[in-house]
Structures are given as structure tokens and as C-alpha cells.
């Protein structure tokens, strides 16, 4: 009788120990998963693209039959190419090209020093192709951050070498 009682106690202790191992393993698994998720970068966050990264570009003088003229055509380096067709954010000085048509560019430097007036290169300007429904007006040299899909333009000489498509203004921390 006593032997049977002892066997029951051992069986109960064994089952509790086994159940405890399962609980501990479950806790460890949840902890590891939680820790892994916490260490992942915010996949929705877009990088703030620096102007220095856009400077990795060289130019070739190319004849365009349709324009009967030569134009400087960009050859983008590895850094700008790594951002090609990716959603990015960029901060700079807004320059209205034609505010009545919502045509804006964003510049690395203020208007007085920009590509148009101050002799900076075309890699210091990003054309903003605003998202549909855009109606806000900006003043010259407003410092703003825009988010959109970065396009590297090597074919259309009537547009800038960098174009931010579906651009929207975003706040920066």
C-alpha cells in the first residue's frame, strides 16, 4: 500500500516536472520571439536620404536627336542606385518652379546658392512630383521634408536627374 502511494507521488512529481519544462520552454520561446521583434528596425520607417549620398554621380555629354543638341546625362554611382525606386525622405529648401502648377524642387542649399543661381550641381536638386490631390503652396527657401519614391532619370532631359514621385510633406522629429 505504501509502495503504491510512493509510486503515485513520483508519477505526480514527474508529470508536474514535465509540465513545468513545457511552461518554461514556452516562456523562453515567447521571450526570444519578443526580443527578436523588438530588435528589428521599424520596417515602415523610411531613411532620411542625405544630400552627400546623391552626389555619387558623373556625367557624359550625349547627343539627343529629338532636341538636336547635346545634354549632360548622369551615370549614377552605387549609392544613388541603392535607393532607386525606393521610398525615401529628403530634407531641404523648397524652390517653387511654378507654384500655380504645383511644380516644386527641393534643394540642398537655399535659392541664392542653388543649381539655378549659385553654381551648385544638378545633384543638389530633387524634382518633386507631388502626390495626386496636392494643393499646398510653399514659399522659396521653406525648409521641409518630403517622402516619396526616388527615381533616377537618365533619359528625359526636360526633367531633373532625381525625381521624388508621389511626394508628400512629412514631419521630422
N, C-alpha and C. Protein backbone atom coordinates (compact mmCIF):
# COMPACT_ATOMS: atom_id res chain seq x y z
N UNK A 1 0.83 -1.19 0.00
CA UNK A 1 0.00 0.00 0.00
C UNK A 1 0.88 1.25 0.00
N UNK A 2 1.88 1.24 0.87
CA UNK A 2 2.76 2.39 0.95
C UNK A 2 3.57 2.54 -0.34
N UNK A 3 3.99 1.43 -0.94
CA UNK A 3 4.72 1.45 -2.19
C UNK A 3 3.87 2.06 -3.30
N UNK A 4 2.60 1.74 -3.33
CA UNK A 4 1.67 2.27 -4.33
C UNK A 4 1.52 3.78 -4.15
N UNK A 5 1.45 4.22 -2.90
CA UNK A 5 1.34 5.64 -2.58
C UNK A 5 2.58 6.39 -3.04
N UNK A 6 3.76 5.82 -2.80
CA UNK A 6 5.02 6.43 -3.20
C UNK A 6 5.10 6.50 -4.72
N UNK A 7 4.68 5.44 -5.41
CA UNK A 7 4.68 5.45 -6.88
C UNK A 7 3.78 6.57 -7.41
N UNK A 8 2.61 6.75 -6.79
CA UNK A 8 1.70 7.83 -7.22
C UNK A 8 2.36 9.19 -7.03
N UNK A 9 3.07 9.38 -5.92
CA UNK A 9 3.73 10.66 -5.66
C UNK A 9 4.80 10.91 -6.73
N UNK A 10 5.60 9.86 -7.05
CA UNK A 10 6.63 10.00 -8.07
C UNK A 10 6.01 10.32 -9.44
N UNK A 11 4.91 9.68 -9.75
CA UNK A 11 4.24 9.94 -11.02
C UNK A 11 3.73 11.37 -11.06
N UNK A 12 3.13 11.83 -9.98
CA UNK A 12 2.62 13.22 -9.91
C UNK A 12 3.78 14.21 -10.04
N UNK A 13 4.88 13.95 -9.31
CA UNK A 13 6.05 14.85 -9.38
C UNK A 13 6.65 14.85 -10.78
N UNK A 14 6.72 13.68 -11.40
CA UNK A 14 7.25 13.57 -12.76
C UNK A 14 6.39 14.37 -13.73
N UNK A 15 5.06 14.22 -13.64
CA UNK A 15 4.16 14.95 -14.53
C UNK A 15 4.24 16.45 -14.31
N UNK A 16 4.34 16.86 -13.03
CA UNK A 16 4.47 18.29 -12.75
C UNK A 16 5.79 18.84 -13.30
N UNK A 17 6.85 18.06 -13.14
CA UNK A 17 8.15 18.48 -13.66
C UNK A 17 8.09 18.60 -15.19
N UNK A 18 7.47 17.65 -15.84
CA UNK A 18 7.34 17.67 -17.29
C UNK A 18 6.49 18.87 -17.73
N UNK A 19 5.40 19.14 -17.01
CA UNK A 19 4.54 20.29 -17.32
C UNK A 19 5.31 21.59 -17.09
N UNK A 20 6.14 21.63 -16.07
CA UNK A 20 6.94 22.81 -15.77
C UNK A 20 7.96 23.06 -16.88
N UNK A 21 8.57 21.98 -17.41
CA UNK A 21 9.52 22.12 -18.51
C UNK A 21 8.82 22.70 -19.74
N UNK A 22 7.62 22.23 -20.02
CA UNK A 22 6.85 22.73 -21.16
C UNK A 22 6.55 24.21 -20.96
N UNK A 23 6.16 24.59 -19.75
CA UNK A 23 5.87 26.01 -19.47
C UNK A 23 7.13 26.86 -19.62
N UNK A 24 8.24 26.37 -19.07
CA UNK A 24 9.49 27.12 -19.16
C UNK A 24 9.91 27.25 -20.63
N UNK A 25 9.83 26.16 -21.38
CA UNK A 25 10.18 26.22 -22.81
C UNK A 25 9.29 27.21 -23.55
N UNK A 26 8.01 27.20 -23.25
CA UNK A 26 7.07 28.13 -23.88
C UNK A 26 7.44 29.57 -23.53
N UNK A 27 7.75 29.82 -22.28
CA UNK A 27 8.14 31.17 -21.85
C UNK A 27 9.42 31.60 -22.56
N UNK A 28 10.39 30.71 -22.65
CA UNK A 28 11.66 31.03 -23.32
C UNK A 28 11.42 31.34 -24.80
N UNK A 29 10.58 30.54 -25.45
CA UNK A 29 10.28 30.77 -26.87
C UNK A 29 9.63 32.13 -27.06
N UNK A 30 8.62 32.45 -26.24
CA UNK A 30 7.96 33.76 -26.35
C UNK A 30 8.94 34.89 -26.08
N UNK A 31 9.83 34.71 -25.13
CA UNK A 31 10.82 35.73 -24.80
C UNK A 31 11.75 35.97 -25.99
N UNK A 32 12.24 34.90 -26.59
CA UNK A 32 13.16 35.02 -27.72
C UNK A 32 12.45 35.69 -28.90
N UNK A 33 11.22 35.30 -29.19
CA UNK A 33 10.47 35.92 -30.29
C UNK A 33 10.25 37.40 -30.00
N UNK A 34 9.84 37.73 -28.79
CA UNK A 34 9.61 39.13 -28.42
C UNK A 34 10.88 39.96 -28.53
N UNK A 35 11.98 39.40 -28.07
CA UNK A 35 13.26 40.10 -28.14
C UNK A 35 13.68 40.30 -29.59
N UNK A 36 13.48 39.29 -30.42
CA UNK A 36 13.83 39.41 -31.84
C UNK A 36 13.01 40.49 -32.52
N UNK A 37 11.71 40.53 -32.24
CA UNK A 37 10.86 41.55 -32.84
C UNK A 37 11.23 42.94 -32.37
N UNK A 38 11.60 43.07 -31.12
CA UNK A 38 11.98 44.37 -30.57
C UNK A 38 13.28 44.87 -31.20
N UNK A 39 14.14 43.95 -31.61
CA UNK A 39 15.43 44.35 -32.18
C UNK A 39 15.34 44.66 -33.67
N UNK A 40 14.25 44.28 -34.34
CA UNK A 40 14.10 44.58 -35.76
C UNK A 40 13.92 46.08 -35.95
N UNK A 41 14.42 46.62 -37.05
CA UNK A 41 14.16 48.04 -37.32
C UNK A 41 12.70 48.23 -37.67
N UNK A 42 12.23 49.45 -37.48
CA UNK A 42 10.86 49.77 -37.87
C UNK A 42 10.80 49.71 -39.38
N UNK A 43 10.13 48.68 -39.90
CA UNK A 43 10.11 48.46 -41.34
C UNK A 43 9.33 49.53 -42.08
N UNK A 44 8.48 50.27 -41.39
CA UNK A 44 7.72 51.33 -42.02
C UNK A 44 8.51 52.63 -42.09
N UNK A 45 9.53 52.76 -41.27
CA UNK A 45 10.32 53.99 -41.25
C UNK A 45 11.16 54.07 -42.51
N UNK A 46 11.21 55.23 -43.10
CA UNK A 46 11.99 55.44 -44.31
C UNK A 46 13.26 56.19 -43.95
N UNK A 47 14.35 55.87 -44.62
CA UNK A 47 15.59 56.56 -44.31
C UNK A 47 15.53 58.02 -44.76
N UNK A 48 16.17 58.89 -43.97
CA UNK A 48 16.32 60.28 -44.37
C UNK A 48 17.56 60.32 -45.25
N UNK A 49 17.34 60.47 -46.53
CA UNK A 49 18.41 60.43 -47.51
C UNK A 49 19.26 61.70 -47.39
N UNK A 50 20.56 61.51 -47.28
CA UNK A 50 21.45 62.67 -47.18
C UNK A 50 21.84 63.15 -48.57
N UNK A 51 22.09 64.42 -48.69
CA UNK A 51 22.49 65.00 -49.97
C UNK A 51 23.84 64.46 -50.42
N UNK A 52 24.69 64.10 -49.48
CA UNK A 52 26.01 63.56 -49.83
C UNK A 52 25.86 62.25 -50.61
N UNK A 53 24.85 61.45 -50.26
CA UNK A 53 24.64 60.18 -50.97
C UNK A 53 24.22 60.42 -52.42
N UNK A 54 23.55 61.53 -52.66
CA UNK A 54 23.12 61.85 -54.03
C UNK A 54 24.25 62.39 -54.88
N UNK A 55 25.37 62.75 -54.26
CA UNK A 55 26.48 63.35 -55.02
C UNK A 55 27.32 62.32 -55.77
N UNK A 56 27.03 61.04 -55.57
CA UNK A 56 27.78 59.98 -56.25
C UNK A 56 27.25 59.82 -57.68
N UNK A 57 27.59 60.80 -58.53
CA UNK A 57 27.11 60.80 -59.92
C UNK A 57 28.15 61.47 -60.81
N UNK A 58 28.30 60.94 -62.02
CA UNK A 58 29.16 61.53 -63.05
C UNK A 58 28.29 61.79 -64.27
N UNK A 59 28.83 62.56 -65.21
CA UNK A 59 28.03 62.94 -66.38
C UNK A 59 28.79 62.70 -67.67
N UNK A 60 28.02 62.32 -68.69
CA UNK A 60 28.54 62.16 -70.04
C UNK A 60 27.77 63.10 -70.95
N UNK A 61 28.48 63.69 -71.90
CA UNK A 61 27.85 64.55 -72.88
C UNK A 61 27.30 63.68 -74.01
N UNK A 62 25.97 63.71 -74.20
CA UNK A 62 25.30 62.82 -75.15
C UNK A 62 24.44 63.64 -76.12
N UNK A 63 24.48 63.27 -77.40
CA UNK A 63 23.67 63.92 -78.42
C UNK A 63 22.25 63.36 -78.38
N UNK A 64 21.24 64.28 -78.36
CA UNK A 64 19.84 63.90 -78.42
C UNK A 64 19.26 64.39 -79.74
N UNK A 65 18.98 63.44 -80.61
CA UNK A 65 18.49 63.74 -81.95
C UNK A 65 17.20 64.56 -81.90
N UNK A 66 16.28 64.16 -81.02
CA UNK A 66 14.98 64.86 -80.95
C UNK A 66 15.09 66.32 -80.54
N UNK A 67 16.18 66.68 -79.87
CA UNK A 67 16.40 68.07 -79.45
C UNK A 67 17.49 68.75 -80.28
N UNK A 68 18.13 67.98 -81.13
CA UNK A 68 19.24 68.48 -81.96
C UNK A 68 20.27 69.23 -81.10
N UNK A 69 20.60 68.56 -79.99
CA UNK A 69 21.54 69.18 -79.06
C UNK A 69 22.19 68.12 -78.17
N UNK A 70 23.29 68.52 -77.54
CA UNK A 70 23.96 67.65 -76.57
C UNK A 70 23.51 68.03 -75.16
N UNK A 71 23.36 67.02 -74.34
CA UNK A 71 22.99 67.23 -72.94
C UNK A 71 23.87 66.37 -72.05
N UNK A 72 24.04 66.82 -70.83
CA UNK A 72 24.77 66.06 -69.83
C UNK A 72 23.83 64.97 -69.29
N UNK A 73 24.23 63.71 -69.43
CA UNK A 73 23.43 62.57 -68.98
C UNK A 73 24.13 61.95 -67.78
N UNK A 74 23.39 61.74 -66.69
CA UNK A 74 24.02 61.22 -65.48
C UNK A 74 24.36 59.72 -65.56
N UNK A 75 25.46 59.37 -64.91
CA UNK A 75 25.84 57.97 -64.65
C UNK A 75 25.88 57.87 -63.13
N UNK A 76 24.87 57.24 -62.57
CA UNK A 76 24.73 57.17 -61.11
C UNK A 76 25.65 56.10 -60.53
N UNK A 77 26.25 56.44 -59.39
CA UNK A 77 27.11 55.50 -58.68
C UNK A 77 26.29 54.50 -57.88
N UNK A 78 26.99 53.66 -57.16
CA UNK A 78 26.36 52.59 -56.39
C UNK A 78 25.43 53.13 -55.31
N UNK A 79 25.79 54.24 -54.68
CA UNK A 79 24.97 54.75 -53.57
C UNK A 79 23.61 55.23 -54.05
N UNK A 80 23.52 56.13 -55.03
CA UNK A 80 22.19 56.51 -55.50
C UNK A 80 21.41 55.33 -56.07
N UNK A 81 22.10 54.42 -56.76
CA UNK A 81 21.43 53.25 -57.32
C UNK A 81 20.81 52.37 -56.24
N UNK A 82 21.39 52.37 -55.05
CA UNK A 82 20.82 51.55 -53.96
C UNK A 82 19.49 52.12 -53.47
N UNK A 83 19.19 53.37 -53.80
CA UNK A 83 17.92 54.00 -53.41
C UNK A 83 16.93 54.07 -54.57
N UNK A 84 17.33 53.59 -55.73
CA UNK A 84 16.48 53.67 -56.93
C UNK A 84 15.14 52.96 -56.71
N UNK A 85 14.06 53.70 -57.00
CA UNK A 85 12.68 53.19 -56.87
C UNK A 85 12.32 52.76 -55.45
N UNK A 86 12.99 53.35 -54.47
CA UNK A 86 12.68 53.06 -53.06
C UNK A 86 12.06 54.30 -52.43
N UNK A 87 11.23 54.07 -51.44
CA UNK A 87 10.61 55.17 -50.72
C UNK A 87 11.64 55.76 -49.76
N UNK A 88 11.85 57.06 -49.87
CA UNK A 88 12.84 57.76 -49.04
C UNK A 88 12.25 59.08 -48.56
N UNK A 89 12.95 59.68 -47.61
CA UNK A 89 12.64 61.03 -47.15
C UNK A 89 13.87 61.88 -47.44
N UNK A 90 13.62 63.14 -47.79
CA UNK A 90 14.73 64.07 -48.01
C UNK A 90 14.33 65.45 -47.49
N UNK A 91 15.28 66.11 -46.84
CA UNK A 91 15.03 67.42 -46.26
C UNK A 91 15.86 68.46 -46.99
N UNK A 92 15.22 69.60 -47.27
CA UNK A 92 15.95 70.65 -47.95
C UNK A 92 15.14 71.92 -48.09
N UNK A 93 15.61 72.78 -48.96
CA UNK A 93 14.98 74.08 -49.20
C UNK A 93 14.04 73.97 -50.40
N UNK A 94 12.79 74.38 -50.21
CA UNK A 94 11.81 74.33 -51.29
C UNK A 94 12.04 75.50 -52.24
N UNK A 95 12.02 75.20 -53.53
CA UNK A 95 12.12 76.24 -54.55
C UNK A 95 10.94 76.07 -55.50
N UNK A 96 10.02 77.03 -55.49
CA UNK A 96 8.90 76.94 -56.42
C UNK A 96 9.38 77.17 -57.86
N UNK A 97 9.07 76.24 -58.75
CA UNK A 97 9.39 76.41 -60.17
C UNK A 97 8.21 77.10 -60.83
N UNK A 98 7.01 76.61 -60.53
CA UNK A 98 5.76 77.22 -61.00
C UNK A 98 4.69 76.84 -60.00
N UNK A 99 4.50 77.69 -59.00
CA UNK A 99 3.58 77.40 -57.90
C UNK A 99 2.14 77.25 -58.39
N UNK A 100 1.79 77.92 -59.49
CA UNK A 100 0.41 77.80 -60.00
C UNK A 100 0.15 76.40 -60.55
N UNK A 101 1.21 75.71 -60.95
CA UNK A 101 1.08 74.34 -61.46
C UNK A 101 1.60 73.30 -60.47
N UNK A 102 1.85 73.73 -59.24
CA UNK A 102 2.39 72.85 -58.20
C UNK A 102 3.71 72.21 -58.60
N UNK A 103 4.55 72.95 -59.29
CA UNK A 103 5.87 72.46 -59.66
C UNK A 103 6.90 73.00 -58.68
N UNK A 104 7.49 72.08 -57.93
CA UNK A 104 8.48 72.45 -56.92
C UNK A 104 9.69 71.54 -57.05
N UNK A 105 10.81 72.06 -56.58
CA UNK A 105 12.00 71.24 -56.37
C UNK A 105 12.44 71.46 -54.93
N UNK A 106 13.23 70.53 -54.45
CA UNK A 106 13.83 70.68 -53.13
C UNK A 106 15.33 70.70 -53.35
N UNK A 107 16.00 71.61 -52.65
CA UNK A 107 17.42 71.84 -52.89
C UNK A 107 18.24 71.61 -51.62
N UNK A 108 19.47 71.19 -51.82
CA UNK A 108 20.41 71.03 -50.72
C UNK A 108 20.71 72.37 -50.06
N UNK A 109 20.71 73.42 -50.87
CA UNK A 109 21.09 74.76 -50.40
C UNK A 109 19.99 75.76 -50.72
N UNK A 110 20.00 76.93 -50.07
CA UNK A 110 18.98 77.95 -50.36
C UNK A 110 19.06 78.43 -51.81
N UNK A 111 18.03 79.10 -52.25
CA UNK A 111 17.88 79.56 -53.64
C UNK A 111 19.11 80.31 -54.16
N UNK A 112 19.68 81.18 -53.35
CA UNK A 112 20.81 82.01 -53.79
C UNK A 112 22.05 81.17 -54.12
N UNK A 113 22.13 79.96 -53.59
CA UNK A 113 23.30 79.11 -53.81
C UNK A 113 22.96 77.87 -54.62
N UNK A 114 21.74 77.77 -55.12
CA UNK A 114 21.28 76.52 -55.73
C UNK A 114 21.79 76.33 -57.15
N UNK A 115 21.39 75.24 -57.73
CA UNK A 115 21.76 74.84 -59.08
C UNK A 115 21.47 75.93 -60.10
N UNK A 116 20.33 76.61 -59.95
CA UNK A 116 19.93 77.63 -60.91
C UNK A 116 20.80 78.88 -60.81
N UNK A 117 21.04 79.33 -59.56
CA UNK A 117 21.65 80.66 -59.37
C UNK A 117 23.08 80.64 -58.85
N UNK A 118 23.40 79.66 -58.05
CA UNK A 118 24.67 79.74 -57.34
C UNK A 118 25.76 78.81 -57.82
N UNK A 119 25.52 78.05 -58.87
CA UNK A 119 26.58 77.22 -59.42
C UNK A 119 26.71 75.84 -58.80
N UNK A 120 25.79 75.40 -57.98
CA UNK A 120 25.83 74.02 -57.47
C UNK A 120 25.48 73.07 -58.61
N UNK A 121 25.78 71.80 -58.41
CA UNK A 121 25.50 70.82 -59.45
C UNK A 121 24.04 70.35 -59.44
N UNK A 122 23.65 69.68 -60.52
CA UNK A 122 22.27 69.21 -60.63
C UNK A 122 21.94 68.12 -59.62
N UNK A 123 22.97 67.52 -59.01
CA UNK A 123 22.73 66.51 -57.97
C UNK A 123 22.29 67.13 -56.65
N UNK A 124 22.25 68.46 -56.57
CA UNK A 124 21.81 69.15 -55.35
C UNK A 124 20.34 69.54 -55.41
N UNK A 125 19.64 69.04 -56.45
CA UNK A 125 18.22 69.36 -56.65
C UNK A 125 17.44 68.06 -56.84
N UNK A 126 16.28 67.97 -56.22
CA UNK A 126 15.37 66.85 -56.47
C UNK A 126 14.03 67.44 -56.90
N UNK A 127 13.57 67.01 -58.05
CA UNK A 127 12.26 67.42 -58.55
C UNK A 127 11.18 66.72 -57.73
N UNK A 128 10.18 67.48 -57.32
CA UNK A 128 9.07 66.91 -56.55
C UNK A 128 7.87 66.70 -57.46
N UNK A 129 7.54 65.46 -57.67
CA UNK A 129 6.33 65.11 -58.41
C UNK A 129 5.29 64.78 -57.33
N UNK A 130 4.47 65.79 -57.02
CA UNK A 130 3.58 65.70 -55.87
C UNK A 130 2.49 64.65 -56.08
N UNK A 131 2.07 64.06 -54.97
CA UNK A 131 1.00 63.06 -54.99
C UNK A 131 -0.30 63.71 -55.47
N UNK A 132 -1.15 62.95 -56.14
CA UNK A 132 -2.43 63.47 -56.63
C UNK A 132 -3.21 64.11 -55.49
N UNK A 133 -3.88 65.19 -55.80
CA UNK A 133 -4.68 65.89 -54.80
C UNK A 133 -3.91 66.94 -54.03
N UNK A 134 -2.62 67.09 -54.30
CA UNK A 134 -1.79 68.08 -53.61
C UNK A 134 -2.24 69.49 -53.96
N UNK A 135 -2.33 70.35 -52.94
CA UNK A 135 -2.75 71.73 -53.23
C UNK A 135 -2.05 72.77 -52.37
N UNK A 136 -1.13 72.36 -51.53
CA UNK A 136 -0.44 73.30 -50.64
C UNK A 136 0.55 74.17 -51.43
N UNK A 137 0.74 75.39 -50.96
CA UNK A 137 1.72 76.30 -51.56
C UNK A 137 2.91 76.45 -50.61
N UNK A 138 4.09 76.57 -51.19
CA UNK A 138 5.31 76.76 -50.41
C UNK A 138 5.99 78.04 -50.86
N UNK A 139 6.70 78.64 -49.93
CA UNK A 139 7.50 79.83 -50.23
C UNK A 139 8.93 79.42 -50.53
N UNK A 140 9.63 80.24 -51.26
CA UNK A 140 11.04 80.00 -51.55
C UNK A 140 11.82 79.87 -50.26
N UNK A 141 12.64 78.84 -50.20
CA UNK A 141 13.53 78.54 -49.08
C UNK A 141 12.83 78.05 -47.82
N UNK A 142 11.55 77.66 -47.91
CA UNK A 142 10.93 76.94 -46.78
C UNK A 142 11.73 75.65 -46.60
N UNK A 143 12.12 75.35 -45.37
CA UNK A 143 12.84 74.10 -45.10
C UNK A 143 11.80 73.04 -44.77
N UNK A 144 11.72 72.01 -45.61
CA UNK A 144 10.71 70.97 -45.47
C UNK A 144 11.32 69.60 -45.73
N UNK A 145 10.61 68.57 -45.27
CA UNK A 145 10.99 67.19 -45.55
C UNK A 145 9.88 66.55 -46.37
N UNK A 146 10.27 65.87 -47.43
CA UNK A 146 9.31 65.20 -48.30
C UNK A 146 9.65 63.71 -48.37
N UNK A 147 8.59 62.93 -48.56
CA UNK A 147 8.74 61.49 -48.71
C UNK A 147 8.12 61.08 -50.03
N UNK A 148 8.77 60.16 -50.71
CA UNK A 148 8.26 59.65 -51.98
C UNK A 148 9.20 58.59 -52.51
N UNK A 149 8.94 58.17 -53.73
CA UNK A 149 9.75 57.14 -54.37
C UNK A 149 10.80 57.82 -55.24
N UNK A 150 12.06 57.53 -54.98
CA UNK A 150 13.16 58.17 -55.70
C UNK A 150 13.38 57.52 -57.07
N UNK A 151 13.31 58.35 -58.10
CA UNK A 151 13.55 57.91 -59.47
C UNK A 151 14.86 58.53 -59.95
N UNK A 152 15.68 57.73 -60.62
CA UNK A 152 16.93 58.21 -61.20
C UNK A 152 16.68 58.40 -62.70
N UNK A 153 16.71 59.65 -63.13
CA UNK A 153 16.34 59.99 -64.50
C UNK A 153 17.59 60.10 -65.39
N UNK A 154 17.68 59.20 -66.36
CA UNK A 154 18.80 59.24 -67.31
C UNK A 154 18.34 59.50 -68.75
N UNK A 155 17.03 59.63 -68.97
CA UNK A 155 16.51 59.70 -70.33
C UNK A 155 15.79 60.99 -70.69
N UNK A 156 15.06 61.58 -69.76
CA UNK A 156 14.21 62.73 -70.07
C UNK A 156 14.93 64.03 -69.69
N UNK A 157 15.50 64.70 -70.68
CA UNK A 157 16.28 65.91 -70.42
C UNK A 157 15.40 67.09 -70.01
N UNK A 158 14.10 66.94 -70.08
CA UNK A 158 13.19 68.00 -69.68
C UNK A 158 12.87 67.94 -68.18
N UNK A 159 13.46 66.97 -67.49
CA UNK A 159 13.28 66.82 -66.04
C UNK A 159 14.64 66.72 -65.37
N UNK A 160 14.65 66.86 -64.06
CA UNK A 160 15.88 66.78 -63.29
C UNK A 160 16.37 65.34 -63.20
N UNK A 161 17.61 65.18 -62.76
CA UNK A 161 18.18 63.82 -62.69
C UNK A 161 17.58 63.01 -61.55
N UNK A 162 17.14 63.68 -60.48
CA UNK A 162 16.46 63.00 -59.38
C UNK A 162 15.02 63.49 -59.35
N UNK A 163 14.10 62.54 -59.25
CA UNK A 163 12.67 62.89 -59.15
C UNK A 163 12.09 62.10 -57.98
N UNK A 164 11.40 62.80 -57.11
CA UNK A 164 10.71 62.15 -56.00
C UNK A 164 9.24 62.04 -56.38
N UNK A 165 8.80 60.83 -56.72
CA UNK A 165 7.43 60.62 -57.20
C UNK A 165 6.49 60.37 -56.02
N UNK A 166 5.22 60.78 -56.23
CA UNK A 166 4.20 60.68 -55.17
C UNK A 166 4.67 61.36 -53.90
N UNK A 167 5.32 62.50 -54.06
CA UNK A 167 5.90 63.22 -52.93
C UNK A 167 4.82 63.81 -52.03
N UNK A 168 5.06 63.68 -50.73
CA UNK A 168 4.20 64.30 -49.72
C UNK A 168 5.11 64.90 -48.65
N UNK A 169 4.65 65.99 -48.09
CA UNK A 169 5.41 66.59 -46.99
C UNK A 169 5.21 65.75 -45.73
N UNK A 170 6.28 65.52 -45.01
CA UNK A 170 6.21 64.77 -43.76
C UNK A 170 6.91 65.56 -42.67
N UNK A 171 6.54 65.30 -41.45
CA UNK A 171 7.22 65.97 -40.34
C UNK A 171 8.45 65.16 -39.96
N UNK A 172 9.45 65.84 -39.44
CA UNK A 172 10.66 65.17 -38.98
C UNK A 172 10.79 65.44 -37.49
N UNK A 173 11.30 64.44 -36.79
CA UNK A 173 11.44 64.62 -35.33
C UNK A 173 12.47 65.64 -34.96
